Amino acid sequence: MHRFDYRALADYLPTDIANITNVIFDLRARNEMRQVKNPSGFERLRESAVVESVRGSNAIEGIVTTKARLEELVSGAPPHTHGECEILGYKNALEEMYAPGFSADLSEDYVLHLHQLLLGTTSDQAGVYKRDNNWIQQRDADGRISVHFVPVSAADTPDAMKQLVMAYREARQDSRANQLVLVACVVVDFLCIHPFSDGNGRVSRLLTTMLLERAGFDICRYVSIEGMIDEHKAGYYDALEEASVGWHDNQSDYTPFVLYLLQILYACYRELDRRYVSGTLERVPKAKRVEALLMELYVPASKAEICDRLPEVGVRTVERVLSRLMKEGRVEKIGTYRDARYRRA
């Protein structure tokens, strides 16, 4: 049986993972300062992120509805179909997680509670571990179905979940362990256990949000990580497949999914940066918008990327502001010609 042991994470930090986690930590610090300066702006971002999270996580599972109907459900409209009940269940779980004073940590009871919130009105197995063995199927290009992965048996699931929770709590106490890497490893192990007859993917994404919050990263409140995963769904399944090879024999490598999750988080912070800048510059003169964007940039951007972020500003205005700020020594240019990128000096 798989051995749940995250103690090695204290010594596990390849260069590519270390680099991206360092950037994410810096981006978190900057947005914490922004939240203090502009709480109302972040509240507007939070409202839209909930809708996108509900849409994205259910869309990954093939549960979809119109944007108008989704907004009605999130606003409190009663559900009319099986799918709408499950959409509403995800919304209720997120709202509980984001409520003031929420302090739950990973535990078997909390995992079962999340499953109950999701499927309590649609399944008689909501809030309980699977009663029968299950497996993950895949369909090839010819339509043939095959078994992709065999999860932990129903009989062994309670013990596996207990071991997962204890291993996570042990690693949480180790200050040397990278907490972002730990979140990714726990998600992989949860999905390899596949403890429920249905809803495992959605529970795993709720756990991702909760574990990130516990680690001090509230990015999911303002940019939907579920929506970002839905945009990069192929990579999500590929990373999980790679990370699960040899899992039962303790020969698996978490690295593919760790990198995937970190890249998704980085993309969420980039999107938060774009939305924040756009939202705070709506009534600012165009040249000032370009200048403010450049002063806020953490990652160097090309001229085209600056224009994409400020579509209402013409390219000549962008070029004029760039030229002035470089002469003033406030912006520096990296690279030349088409590869040129700009950042605050």
Protein backbone atom coordinates (compact mmCIF):
# COMPACT_ATOMS: atom_id res chain seq x y z
CA MET A 1 0.00 0.00 0.00
CA HIS A 2 1.11 3.58 -0.65
CA ARG A 3 3.12 5.14 2.17
CA PHE A 4 1.99 8.65 3.10
CA ASP A 5 5.15 10.42 4.15
CA TYR A 6 5.96 14.05 3.34
CA ARG A 7 9.06 14.36 5.51
CA ALA A 8 11.30 14.32 2.44
CA LEU A 9 9.75 17.63 1.31
CA ALA A 10 12.09 19.43 3.71
CA ASP A 11 14.97 18.49 1.40
CA TYR A 12 12.98 18.60 -1.87
CA LEU A 13 13.29 21.88 -3.74
CA PRO A 14 14.57 21.60 -7.33
CA THR A 15 15.74 24.87 -8.86
CA ASP A 16 12.74 25.33 -11.17
CA ILE A 17 10.31 24.80 -8.29
CA ALA A 18 12.32 27.06 -5.97
CA ASN A 19 12.34 29.84 -8.57
CA ILE A 20 8.61 29.89 -9.20
CA THR A 21 7.70 29.57 -5.50
CA ASN A 22 9.95 32.56 -4.73
CA VAL A 23 8.12 34.62 -7.34
CA ILE A 24 4.74 33.53 -5.96
CA PHE A 25 5.78 34.50 -2.43
CA ASP A 26 6.79 37.95 -3.70
CA LEU A 27 3.53 38.37 -5.61
CA ARG A 28 1.58 37.43 -2.50
CA ALA A 29 3.40 40.08 -0.45
CA ARG A 30 2.65 42.78 -3.01
CA ASN A 31 -1.04 41.93 -3.15
CA GLU A 32 -1.29 41.93 0.63
CA MET A 33 -0.19 45.57 0.51
CA ARG A 34 -2.70 46.28 -2.25
CA GLN A 35 -5.52 44.81 -0.16
CA VAL A 36 -4.72 47.22 2.65
CA LYS A 37 -4.72 50.18 0.24
CA ASN A 38 -7.82 49.22 -1.77
CA PRO A 39 -10.12 46.79 0.11
CA SER A 40 -13.19 47.73 -1.93
CA GLY A 41 -11.40 46.86 -5.18
CA PHE A 42 -10.56 43.41 -3.86
CA GLU A 43 -14.12 42.90 -2.67
CA ARG A 44 -15.36 43.43 -6.24
CA LEU A 45 -12.81 40.91 -7.47
CA ARG A 46 -13.97 38.42 -4.83
CA GLU A 47 -17.59 38.56 -5.96
CA SER A 48 -16.74 37.72 -9.56
CA ALA A 49 -14.24 35.02 -8.54
CA VAL A 50 -16.91 33.02 -6.69
CA VAL A 51 -19.06 32.82 -9.80
CA GLU A 52 -16.08 31.78 -11.93
CA SER A 53 -14.98 29.16 -9.39
CA VAL A 54 -18.42 27.57 -9.30
CA ARG A 55 -18.54 27.56 -13.09
CA GLY A 56 -14.99 26.31 -13.62
CA SER A 57 -14.96 23.39 -11.19
CA ASN A 58 -18.30 22.06 -12.39
CA ALA A 59 -17.39 22.62 -16.06
CA ILE A 60 -14.34 20.37 -15.63
CA GLU A 61 -16.80 17.59 -14.70
CA GLY A 62 -19.14 18.40 -17.61
CA ILE A 63 -21.76 20.17 -15.47
CA VAL A 64 -22.60 23.40 -17.29
CA THR A 65 -25.30 26.04 -17.52
CA THR A 66 -25.66 29.51 -18.99
CA LYS A 67 -23.82 32.46 -17.47
CA ALA A 68 -27.11 34.16 -16.63
CA ARG A 69 -28.48 31.08 -14.87
CA LEU A 70 -25.20 30.55 -13.01
CA GLU A 71 -25.32 34.10 -11.67
CA GLU A 72 -28.92 33.52 -10.57
CA LEU A 73 -27.94 30.37 -8.66
CA VAL A 74 -25.00 32.08 -6.98
CA SER A 75 -27.30 34.96 -6.03
CA GLY A 76 -29.71 32.58 -4.27
CA ALA A 77 -32.14 31.26 -6.90
CA PRO A 78 -33.47 27.74 -6.11
CA PRO A 79 -32.09 24.90 -8.28
CA HIS A 80 -34.38 23.09 -10.72
CA THR A 81 -32.23 20.21 -11.98
CA HIS A 82 -29.75 17.64 -10.68
CA GLY A 83 -26.87 19.60 -12.23
CA GLU A 84 -28.05 22.88 -10.70
CA CYS A 85 -28.20 21.22 -7.26
CA GLU A 86 -24.54 20.23 -7.61
CA ILE A 87 -23.60 23.70 -8.84
CA LEU A 88 -25.33 25.18 -5.80
CA GLY A 89 -23.53 22.69 -3.55
CA TYR A 90 -20.15 23.94 -4.74
CA LYS A 91 -21.21 27.54 -4.18
CA ASN A 92 -22.33 26.72 -0.63
CA ALA A 93 -19.02 25.03 0.14
CA LEU A 94 -17.05 28.06 -1.09
CA GLU A 95 -19.21 30.51 0.83
CA GLU A 96 -18.66 28.54 4.03
CA MET A 97 -14.92 28.47 3.39
CA TYR A 98 -14.79 32.25 2.85
CA ALA A 99 -17.02 33.13 5.81
CA PRO A 100 -15.45 35.28 8.57
CA GLY A 101 -13.97 33.15 11.33
CA PHE A 102 -13.63 30.00 9.21
CA SER A 103 -10.76 27.94 10.63
CA ALA A 104 -11.15 24.33 9.50
CA ASP A 105 -8.05 22.29 8.75
CA LEU A 106 -7.65 19.05 6.82
CA SER A 107 -9.42 16.21 8.63
CA GLU A 108 -11.55 13.24 7.69
CA ASP A 109 -14.62 14.93 9.17
CA TYR A 110 -14.04 18.07 7.12
CA VAL A 111 -13.52 16.13 3.89
CA LEU A 112 -16.75 14.22 4.49
CA HIS A 113 -18.51 17.49 5.33
CA LEU A 114 -17.39 19.03 2.02
CA HIS A 115 -18.71 16.01 0.15
CA GLN A 116 -22.03 16.33 2.00
CA LEU A 117 -22.30 20.00 1.03
CA LEU A 118 -21.63 19.14 -2.62
CA LEU A 119 -23.91 16.16 -3.09
CA GLY A 120 -26.26 16.20 -0.10
CA THR A 121 -29.34 16.84 -2.23
CA THR A 122 -28.45 14.56 -5.14
CA SER A 123 -26.83 11.38 -3.78
CA ASP A 124 -27.56 8.87 -1.02
CA GLN A 125 -23.79 8.41 -0.67
CA ALA A 126 -23.06 12.04 0.12
CA GLY A 127 -20.76 12.49 3.07
CA VAL A 128 -19.62 8.85 3.23
CA TYR A 129 -16.66 7.02 1.74
CA LYS A 130 -17.23 4.78 -1.27
CA ARG A 131 -18.93 1.46 -0.57
CA ASP A 132 -17.63 -0.27 -3.68
CA ASN A 133 -14.27 -0.29 -5.45
CA ASN A 134 -13.97 2.29 -8.21
CA TRP A 135 -11.54 3.01 -11.01
CA ILE A 136 -10.66 5.88 -13.30
CA GLN A 137 -11.51 5.24 -16.94
CA GLN A 138 -10.31 6.81 -20.15
CA ARG A 139 -11.59 6.66 -23.72
CA ASP A 140 -9.19 6.57 -26.68
CA ALA A 141 -9.61 8.16 -30.10
CA ASP A 142 -11.49 5.09 -31.34
CA GLY A 143 -14.00 5.29 -28.52
CA ARG A 144 -12.62 2.30 -26.63
CA ILE A 145 -12.78 2.50 -22.83
CA SER A 146 -9.92 1.27 -20.66
CA VAL A 147 -9.00 1.44 -16.98
CA HIS A 148 -6.63 4.37 -16.53
CA PHE A 149 -5.91 4.06 -12.81
CA VAL A 150 -7.08 1.79 -10.00
CA PRO A 151 -7.52 3.81 -6.79
CA VAL A 152 -7.37 2.51 -3.22
CA SER A 153 -9.99 -0.16 -2.52
CA ALA A 154 -13.17 0.72 -0.64
CA ALA A 155 -12.05 -1.45 2.30
CA ASP A 156 -8.70 0.40 2.59
CA THR A 157 -10.04 3.91 1.99
CA PRO A 158 -10.74 4.91 5.64
CA ASP A 159 -7.21 3.95 6.71
CA ALA A 160 -5.66 5.65 3.66
CA MET A 161 -7.51 8.89 4.44
CA LYS A 162 -6.43 8.71 8.06
CA GLN A 163 -2.80 8.26 7.00
CA LEU A 164 -3.08 11.15 4.51
CA VAL A 165 -4.41 13.53 7.17
CA MET A 166 -1.76 12.57 9.74
CA ALA A 167 1.08 12.87 7.19
CA TYR A 168 -0.15 16.32 6.15
CA ARG A 169 -0.38 17.56 9.74
CA GLU A 170 3.09 16.27 10.48
CA ALA A 171 4.53 18.11 7.46
CA ARG A 172 2.63 21.30 8.37
CA GLN A 173 4.67 21.47 11.56
CA ASP A 174 7.98 21.30 9.67
CA SER A 175 9.10 24.86 8.92
CA ARG A 176 11.57 23.55 6.34
CA ALA A 177 8.86 22.02 4.12
CA ASN A 178 7.62 24.18 1.24
CA GLN A 179 3.90 24.54 1.98
CA LEU A 180 2.93 25.11 -1.66
CA VAL A 181 4.63 21.85 -2.63
CA LEU A 182 2.86 20.11 0.26
CA VAL A 183 -0.55 21.24 -1.03
CA ALA A 184 0.16 19.75 -4.47
CA CYS A 185 1.32 16.44 -2.96
CA VAL A 186 -1.77 16.14 -0.77
CA VAL A 187 -4.06 16.77 -3.76
CA VAL A 188 -2.32 14.05 -5.80
CA ASP A 189 -2.63 11.55 -2.94
CA PHE A 190 -6.28 12.43 -2.35
CA LEU A 191 -7.12 11.83 -6.01
CA CYS A 192 -5.19 8.55 -6.04
CA ILE A 193 -7.21 7.38 -3.03
CA HIS A 194 -10.41 8.54 -4.81
CA PRO A 195 -12.39 8.11 -1.60
CA PHE A 196 -15.88 8.80 -2.97
CA SER A 197 -18.12 7.18 -5.55
CA ASP A 198 -18.61 10.62 -7.14
CA GLY A 199 -17.38 14.18 -6.65
CA ASN A 200 -13.69 13.46 -6.04
CA GLY A 201 -12.45 16.10 -8.48
CA ARG A 202 -14.63 18.85 -7.06
CA VAL A 203 -13.72 17.97 -3.47
CA SER A 204 -10.03 18.01 -4.45
CA ARG A 205 -10.36 21.55 -5.84
CA LEU A 206 -12.15 22.75 -2.71
CA LEU A 207 -9.37 21.18 -0.64
CA THR A 208 -6.80 22.94 -2.83
CA THR A 209 -8.41 26.28 -2.01
CA MET A 210 -8.65 25.48 1.70
CA LEU A 211 -5.08 24.20 1.98
CA LEU A 212 -3.74 27.25 0.14
CA GLU A 213 -5.65 29.47 2.56
CA ARG A 214 -4.15 27.54 5.48
CA ALA A 215 -0.71 28.11 3.96
CA GLY A 216 -1.39 31.87 3.78
CA PHE A 217 -2.32 32.20 0.10
CA ASP A 218 -5.77 33.72 -0.45
CA ILE A 219 -5.39 34.18 -4.22
CA CYS A 220 -8.39 31.87 -4.87
CA ARG A 221 -10.68 34.46 -3.29
CA TYR A 222 -9.92 36.96 -6.04
CA VAL A 223 -9.07 34.88 -9.12
CA SER A 224 -10.70 31.51 -9.68
CA ILE A 225 -8.14 28.71 -9.59
CA GLU A 226 -10.88 26.37 -10.84
CA GLY A 227 -11.45 28.60 -13.85
CA MET A 228 -7.72 28.69 -14.56
CA ILE A 229 -7.52 24.89 -14.34
CA ASP A 230 -10.49 24.61 -16.69
CA GLU A 231 -8.62 26.78 -19.22
CA HIS A 232 -5.62 24.42 -18.95
CA LYS A 233 -7.56 21.19 -18.44
CA ALA A 234 -5.40 19.01 -20.68
CA GLY A 235 -2.33 19.92 -18.67
CA TYR A 236 -4.22 19.15 -15.45
CA TYR A 237 -4.99 15.59 -16.47
CA ASP A 238 -1.54 15.04 -17.99
CA ALA A 239 0.17 16.18 -14.78
CA LEU A 240 -2.03 13.96 -12.61
CA GLU A 241 -1.37 10.99 -14.88
CA GLU A 242 2.40 11.46 -14.70
CA ALA A 243 2.35 11.97 -10.93
CA SER A 244 0.28 8.83 -10.31
CA VAL A 245 2.53 6.37 -12.18
CA GLY A 246 3.89 3.89 -9.64
CA TRP A 247 1.85 5.44 -6.83
CA HIS A 248 0.75 2.18 -5.20
CA ASP A 249 4.38 0.98 -5.05
CA ASN A 250 5.74 4.29 -3.69
CA GLN A 251 7.60 4.90 -6.95
CA SER A 252 5.63 7.94 -8.09
CA ASP A 253 7.04 11.43 -8.62
CA TYR A 254 4.93 14.40 -7.51
CA THR A 255 7.00 16.86 -9.56
CA PRO A 256 4.76 17.10 -12.69
CA PHE A 257 1.72 18.08 -10.64
CA VAL A 258 3.72 20.33 -8.32
CA LEU A 259 4.96 22.30 -11.33
CA TYR A 260 1.49 22.38 -12.86
CA LEU A 261 -0.13 23.76 -9.70
CA LEU A 262 2.61 26.35 -9.22
CA GLN A 263 2.21 27.50 -12.82
CA ILE A 264 -1.55 27.79 -12.30
CA LEU A 265 -0.98 29.87 -9.16
CA TYR A 266 1.46 32.09 -11.01
CA ALA A 267 -1.11 32.55 -13.80
CA CYS A 268 -3.72 33.47 -11.18
CA TYR A 269 -1.44 36.15 -9.73
CA ARG A 270 -0.74 37.52 -13.20
CA GLU A 271 -4.49 37.69 -13.84
CA LEU A 272 -5.06 39.37 -10.47
CA ASP A 273 -2.42 41.92 -11.42
CA ARG A 274 -4.17 42.61 -14.73
CA ARG A 275 -7.61 42.96 -13.16
CA TYR A 276 -6.41 45.10 -10.29
CA VAL A 277 -4.56 47.52 -12.55
CA SER A 278 -7.46 47.72 -15.02
CA GLY A 279 -9.97 48.29 -12.23
CA THR A 280 -7.99 51.01 -10.50
CA LEU A 281 -7.10 52.90 -13.68
CA GLU A 282 -10.55 53.19 -15.27
CA ARG A 283 -10.80 56.99 -14.85
CA VAL A 284 -7.11 57.85 -15.03
CA PRO A 285 -5.73 59.65 -18.15
CA LYS A 286 -4.27 57.24 -20.68
CA ALA A 287 -0.62 58.22 -20.27
CA LYS A 288 -0.99 57.92 -16.51
CA ARG A 289 -2.52 54.47 -16.94
CA VAL A 290 0.54 53.28 -18.84
CA GLU A 291 2.86 54.79 -16.25
CA ALA A 292 0.93 53.26 -13.34
CA LEU A 293 0.90 49.86 -15.02
CA LEU A 294 4.66 49.94 -15.52
CA MET A 295 5.24 50.99 -11.92
CA GLU A 296 3.07 48.07 -10.74
CA LEU A 297 4.65 45.41 -12.96
CA TYR A 298 6.56 42.70 -11.16
CA VAL A 299 7.30 40.59 -14.22
CA PRO A 300 8.83 42.34 -17.27
CA ALA A 301 6.29 42.89 -20.05
CA SER A 302 6.63 43.43 -23.77
CA LYS A 303 5.09 46.39 -25.56
CA ALA A 304 2.41 44.09 -26.98
CA GLU A 305 1.56 42.79 -23.49
CA ILE A 306 1.23 46.35 -22.18
CA CYS A 307 -1.13 47.16 -25.05
CA ASP A 308 -3.13 43.99 -24.33
CA ARG A 309 -3.59 45.03 -20.71
CA LEU A 310 -4.66 48.53 -21.73
CA PRO A 311 -6.62 47.97 -24.96
CA GLU A 312 -8.15 51.45 -24.78
CA VAL A 313 -4.68 53.05 -24.97
CA GLY A 314 -3.03 53.46 -28.38
CA VAL A 315 0.40 52.02 -29.14
CA ARG A 316 1.85 55.50 -29.78
CA THR A 317 0.88 56.58 -26.27
CA VAL A 318 2.53 53.45 -24.86
CA GLU A 319 5.72 54.15 -26.85
CA ARG A 320 5.77 57.80 -25.76
CA VAL A 321 5.41 56.90 -22.06
CA LEU A 322 8.03 54.15 -22.32
CA SER A 323 10.50 56.55 -23.93
CA ARG A 324 9.94 59.19 -21.24
CA LEU A 325 10.22 56.77 -18.33
CA MET A 326 13.41 55.23 -19.71
CA LYS A 327 14.97 58.72 -20.08
CA GLU A 328 13.98 59.42 -16.47
CA GLY A 329 15.60 56.17 -15.39
CA ARG A 330 12.36 54.81 -13.92
CA VAL A 331 11.95 51.97 -16.45
CA GLU A 332 14.59 49.75 -17.97
CA LYS A 333 14.55 47.81 -21.21
CA ILE A 334 15.54 44.14 -21.37
CA GLY A 335 16.42 42.65 -24.77
CA THR A 336 16.11 44.28 -28.17
CA TYR A 337 13.65 44.65 -31.03
CA ARG A 338 10.79 42.13 -30.89
CA ASP A 339 12.17 40.45 -27.77
CA ALA A 340 12.32 43.70 -25.79
CA ARG A 341 10.58 43.74 -22.42
CA TYR A 342 10.21 46.51 -19.89
CA ARG A 343 10.18 46.69 -16.11
CA ARG A 344 10.45 49.22 -13.32
CA ALA A 345 14.09 50.14 -12.75
